[in-house]
N, C-alpha and C. Protein backbone atom coordinates (compact mmCIF):
# COMPACT_ATOMS: atom_id res chain seq x y z
N MET A 1 22.40 10.45 8.39
CA MET A 1 21.36 9.81 9.17
C MET A 1 22.01 8.99 10.28
N VAL A 2 21.33 8.94 11.42
CA VAL A 2 21.77 8.14 12.56
C VAL A 2 20.73 7.06 12.83
N LYS A 3 21.21 5.86 13.02
CA LYS A 3 20.33 4.75 13.41
C LYS A 3 20.60 4.46 14.89
N HIS A 4 19.53 4.29 15.63
CA HIS A 4 19.57 4.09 17.08
C HIS A 4 18.88 2.77 17.38
N ILE A 5 19.61 1.85 17.98
CA ILE A 5 19.07 0.53 18.29
C ILE A 5 19.22 0.29 19.79
N VAL A 6 18.13 -0.13 20.41
CA VAL A 6 18.15 -0.43 21.85
C VAL A 6 17.43 -1.75 22.05
N VAL A 7 17.99 -2.60 22.89
CA VAL A 7 17.31 -3.84 23.27
C VAL A 7 17.13 -3.82 24.79
N TYR A 8 16.02 -4.36 25.22
CA TYR A 8 15.62 -4.28 26.63
C TYR A 8 15.18 -5.64 27.15
N THR A 9 15.32 -5.79 28.46
CA THR A 9 14.57 -6.82 29.18
C THR A 9 13.57 -6.09 30.06
N LEU A 10 12.49 -6.77 30.33
CA LEU A 10 11.45 -6.23 31.20
C LEU A 10 11.56 -6.89 32.57
N LYS A 11 11.03 -6.23 33.57
CA LYS A 11 11.08 -6.76 34.93
C LYS A 11 10.33 -8.08 35.02
N GLU A 12 10.75 -8.87 35.96
CA GLU A 12 10.13 -10.16 36.24
C GLU A 12 8.64 -9.96 36.54
N GLY A 13 7.81 -10.83 35.98
CA GLY A 13 6.38 -10.79 36.24
C GLY A 13 5.59 -9.88 35.31
N VAL A 14 6.25 -9.13 34.45
CA VAL A 14 5.56 -8.25 33.51
C VAL A 14 5.05 -9.06 32.33
N ASP A 15 3.81 -8.83 31.92
CA ASP A 15 3.28 -9.46 30.71
C ASP A 15 3.99 -8.82 29.52
N LYS A 16 4.90 -9.55 28.93
CA LYS A 16 5.80 -8.98 27.93
C LYS A 16 5.07 -8.55 26.66
N ASP A 17 4.13 -9.34 26.20
CA ASP A 17 3.40 -8.95 24.98
C ASP A 17 2.60 -7.67 25.21
N GLU A 18 1.94 -7.57 26.34
CA GLU A 18 1.16 -6.37 26.64
C GLU A 18 2.06 -5.16 26.85
N ALA A 19 3.19 -5.37 27.51
CA ALA A 19 4.12 -4.27 27.75
C ALA A 19 4.65 -3.72 26.43
N VAL A 20 5.02 -4.59 25.51
CA VAL A 20 5.56 -4.13 24.22
C VAL A 20 4.48 -3.40 23.43
N LYS A 21 3.25 -3.86 23.47
CA LYS A 21 2.15 -3.14 22.81
C LYS A 21 1.99 -1.73 23.40
N LEU A 22 2.06 -1.64 24.71
CA LEU A 22 1.96 -0.34 25.38
C LEU A 22 3.10 0.58 24.96
N ILE A 23 4.31 0.06 25.02
CA ILE A 23 5.49 0.87 24.69
C ILE A 23 5.42 1.35 23.24
N ALA A 24 5.08 0.46 22.34
CA ALA A 24 4.95 0.85 20.92
C ALA A 24 3.88 1.92 20.75
N SER A 25 2.76 1.78 21.46
CA SER A 25 1.66 2.74 21.32
C SER A 25 2.04 4.13 21.82
N LYS A 26 2.99 4.20 22.72
CA LYS A 26 3.43 5.49 23.26
C LYS A 26 4.58 6.10 22.47
N LEU A 27 5.47 5.27 21.92
CA LEU A 27 6.65 5.80 21.25
C LEU A 27 6.50 5.98 19.74
N GLU A 28 5.91 5.02 19.06
CA GLU A 28 5.84 5.10 17.60
C GLU A 28 5.11 6.35 17.10
N PRO A 29 4.05 6.82 17.76
CA PRO A 29 3.38 8.04 17.30
C PRO A 29 4.21 9.31 17.43
N LEU A 30 5.36 9.25 18.09
CA LEU A 30 6.20 10.44 18.23
C LEU A 30 6.87 10.85 16.92
N VAL A 31 6.92 9.92 15.95
CA VAL A 31 7.47 10.26 14.63
C VAL A 31 6.60 11.37 14.04
N GLY A 32 7.26 12.43 13.59
CA GLY A 32 6.54 13.58 13.06
C GLY A 32 6.19 14.62 14.10
N GLN A 33 6.34 14.27 15.36
CA GLN A 33 6.05 15.20 16.45
C GLN A 33 7.32 15.76 17.11
N ILE A 34 8.42 15.02 16.96
CA ILE A 34 9.68 15.44 17.55
C ILE A 34 10.66 15.71 16.41
N PRO A 35 11.22 16.91 16.36
CA PRO A 35 12.14 17.25 15.26
C PRO A 35 13.29 16.25 15.14
N GLY A 36 13.57 15.84 13.91
CA GLY A 36 14.68 14.95 13.62
C GLY A 36 14.38 13.48 13.74
N LEU A 37 13.28 13.09 14.38
CA LEU A 37 12.90 11.68 14.51
C LEU A 37 12.19 11.26 13.22
N LEU A 38 12.84 10.41 12.45
CA LEU A 38 12.32 10.02 11.14
C LEU A 38 11.53 8.72 11.14
N HIS A 39 11.90 7.80 12.04
CA HIS A 39 11.29 6.46 12.04
C HIS A 39 11.44 5.84 13.42
N MET A 40 10.46 5.02 13.80
CA MET A 40 10.51 4.35 15.10
C MET A 40 9.76 3.02 15.00
N GLU A 41 10.38 1.97 15.48
CA GLU A 41 9.73 0.65 15.57
C GLU A 41 10.03 0.07 16.94
N VAL A 42 9.02 -0.52 17.55
CA VAL A 42 9.17 -1.24 18.80
C VAL A 42 8.60 -2.63 18.55
N ARG A 43 9.43 -3.66 18.74
CA ARG A 43 8.99 -5.02 18.45
C ARG A 43 9.46 -5.99 19.53
N ARG A 44 8.66 -7.00 19.76
CA ARG A 44 8.98 -8.09 20.70
C ARG A 44 10.07 -8.94 20.08
N CYS A 45 11.06 -9.30 20.87
CA CYS A 45 12.14 -10.19 20.42
C CYS A 45 11.72 -11.64 20.65
N TYR A 46 12.16 -12.52 19.80
CA TYR A 46 11.84 -13.93 19.98
C TYR A 46 13.01 -14.71 20.57
N ALA A 47 14.15 -14.07 20.74
CA ALA A 47 15.31 -14.72 21.38
C ALA A 47 16.13 -13.65 22.10
N GLY A 48 16.70 -14.01 23.20
CA GLY A 48 17.57 -13.09 23.93
C GLY A 48 16.79 -12.07 24.74
N MET A 49 16.83 -10.83 24.34
CA MET A 49 16.18 -9.74 25.05
C MET A 49 14.66 -9.80 24.82
N ASP A 50 13.90 -8.98 25.58
CA ASP A 50 12.45 -9.02 25.48
C ASP A 50 11.89 -8.19 24.32
N TYR A 51 12.50 -7.02 24.08
CA TYR A 51 12.05 -6.23 22.94
C TYR A 51 13.16 -5.34 22.42
N ALA A 52 12.97 -4.90 21.18
CA ALA A 52 13.94 -4.02 20.53
C ALA A 52 13.24 -2.75 20.08
N LEU A 53 13.98 -1.66 20.16
CA LEU A 53 13.53 -0.36 19.66
C LEU A 53 14.52 0.05 18.58
N TYR A 54 14.00 0.37 17.41
CA TYR A 54 14.83 0.84 16.30
C TYR A 54 14.29 2.19 15.87
N SER A 55 15.19 3.18 15.78
CA SER A 55 14.76 4.50 15.32
C SER A 55 15.82 5.11 14.43
N GLU A 56 15.38 6.08 13.64
CA GLU A 56 16.28 6.80 12.75
C GLU A 56 16.11 8.29 12.99
N PHE A 57 17.26 8.98 12.99
CA PHE A 57 17.29 10.42 13.19
C PHE A 57 18.03 11.08 12.03
N GLU A 58 17.66 12.31 11.74
CA GLU A 58 18.31 13.05 10.66
C GLU A 58 19.80 13.21 10.88
N LYS A 59 20.18 13.58 12.10
CA LYS A 59 21.60 13.83 12.40
C LYS A 59 21.89 13.43 13.85
N ALA A 60 23.19 13.34 14.16
CA ALA A 60 23.62 12.81 15.46
C ALA A 60 23.02 13.58 16.63
N GLU A 61 22.93 14.90 16.54
CA GLU A 61 22.43 15.67 17.68
C GLU A 61 20.93 15.53 17.91
N ASP A 62 20.21 14.93 16.95
CA ASP A 62 18.77 14.74 17.13
C ASP A 62 18.44 13.65 18.16
N ALA A 63 19.30 12.64 18.29
CA ALA A 63 19.03 11.55 19.25
C ALA A 63 19.03 12.05 20.69
N PRO A 64 20.06 12.79 21.14
CA PRO A 64 20.00 13.30 22.52
C PRO A 64 18.87 14.31 22.72
N ALA A 65 18.56 15.09 21.69
CA ALA A 65 17.45 16.05 21.81
C ALA A 65 16.13 15.30 21.96
N TYR A 66 15.96 14.19 21.25
CA TYR A 66 14.76 13.35 21.37
C TYR A 66 14.62 12.84 22.80
N ARG A 67 15.71 12.35 23.37
CA ARG A 67 15.65 11.78 24.73
C ARG A 67 15.19 12.81 25.75
N LYS A 68 15.52 14.08 25.54
CA LYS A 68 15.15 15.15 26.48
C LYS A 68 13.80 15.79 26.15
N HIS A 69 13.27 15.51 24.97
CA HIS A 69 12.05 16.18 24.52
C HIS A 69 10.88 15.87 25.47
N PRO A 70 10.05 16.87 25.80
CA PRO A 70 8.93 16.65 26.72
C PRO A 70 7.95 15.56 26.27
N LEU A 71 7.72 15.41 24.98
CA LEU A 71 6.81 14.35 24.51
C LEU A 71 7.40 12.96 24.78
N HIS A 72 8.70 12.82 24.61
CA HIS A 72 9.34 11.55 24.91
C HIS A 72 9.31 11.28 26.41
N GLN A 73 9.59 12.29 27.20
CA GLN A 73 9.56 12.14 28.66
C GLN A 73 8.16 11.73 29.14
N GLU A 74 7.14 12.33 28.55
CA GLU A 74 5.76 11.97 28.91
C GLU A 74 5.46 10.53 28.52
N ALA A 75 5.88 10.11 27.34
CA ALA A 75 5.64 8.74 26.89
C ALA A 75 6.30 7.74 27.84
N LYS A 76 7.54 8.00 28.22
CA LYS A 76 8.28 7.10 29.12
C LYS A 76 7.59 6.93 30.47
N ARG A 77 6.89 7.95 30.90
CA ARG A 77 6.20 7.90 32.19
C ARG A 77 5.24 6.71 32.27
N HIS A 78 4.72 6.26 31.13
CA HIS A 78 3.74 5.18 31.09
C HIS A 78 4.35 3.78 31.18
N PHE A 79 5.65 3.65 30.92
CA PHE A 79 6.22 2.30 30.87
C PHE A 79 7.61 2.17 31.48
N HIS A 80 8.26 3.25 31.82
CA HIS A 80 9.64 3.16 32.32
C HIS A 80 9.76 2.25 33.53
N HIS A 81 8.75 2.20 34.35
CA HIS A 81 8.77 1.35 35.55
C HIS A 81 8.79 -0.15 35.21
N LEU A 82 8.50 -0.51 33.97
CA LEU A 82 8.48 -1.91 33.56
C LEU A 82 9.84 -2.42 33.10
N LEU A 83 10.77 -1.51 32.85
CA LEU A 83 12.06 -1.85 32.23
C LEU A 83 13.07 -2.35 33.26
N ASP A 84 13.90 -3.28 32.79
CA ASP A 84 14.98 -3.80 33.64
C ASP A 84 16.33 -3.45 33.01
N THR A 85 16.75 -4.19 32.01
CA THR A 85 18.07 -4.01 31.40
C THR A 85 17.95 -3.32 30.05
N ARG A 86 18.96 -2.51 29.70
CA ARG A 86 18.96 -1.76 28.44
C ARG A 86 20.36 -1.73 27.87
N TYR A 87 20.47 -2.04 26.57
CA TYR A 87 21.72 -1.91 25.83
C TYR A 87 21.41 -1.14 24.55
N SER A 88 22.27 -0.16 24.22
CA SER A 88 21.99 0.64 23.03
C SER A 88 23.23 0.86 22.19
N ALA A 89 22.99 1.21 20.94
CA ALA A 89 24.07 1.56 20.00
C ALA A 89 23.51 2.54 18.98
N ASP A 90 24.31 3.54 18.66
CA ASP A 90 23.98 4.51 17.62
C ASP A 90 25.10 4.45 16.57
N TYR A 91 24.71 4.61 15.31
CA TYR A 91 25.73 4.71 14.27
C TYR A 91 25.21 5.56 13.12
N GLU A 92 26.15 6.19 12.42
CA GLU A 92 25.80 7.03 11.28
C GLU A 92 25.90 6.23 9.99
N VAL A 93 25.01 6.56 9.06
CA VAL A 93 25.06 5.94 7.72
C VAL A 93 25.15 7.03 6.66
């Protein structure tokens, strides 16, 4: 299994609570729709970055396939313009 963790800041002036609700509503339902995506959580951070995304994949090659998947690309279209900074890490367990 691969765990994928990303933390983000949002652009200045964005309503952070509403943005995180939007992002979660677009990404979390992809579980079960994209092969290899086992779990997804999007949550508002209370310190440091604005929000965190945590997901789990069956195997290492599922994470890059998820990023290219048309359903993921469509979901990003709704919120990508709100994002500023992104840091990510993947690791196997």
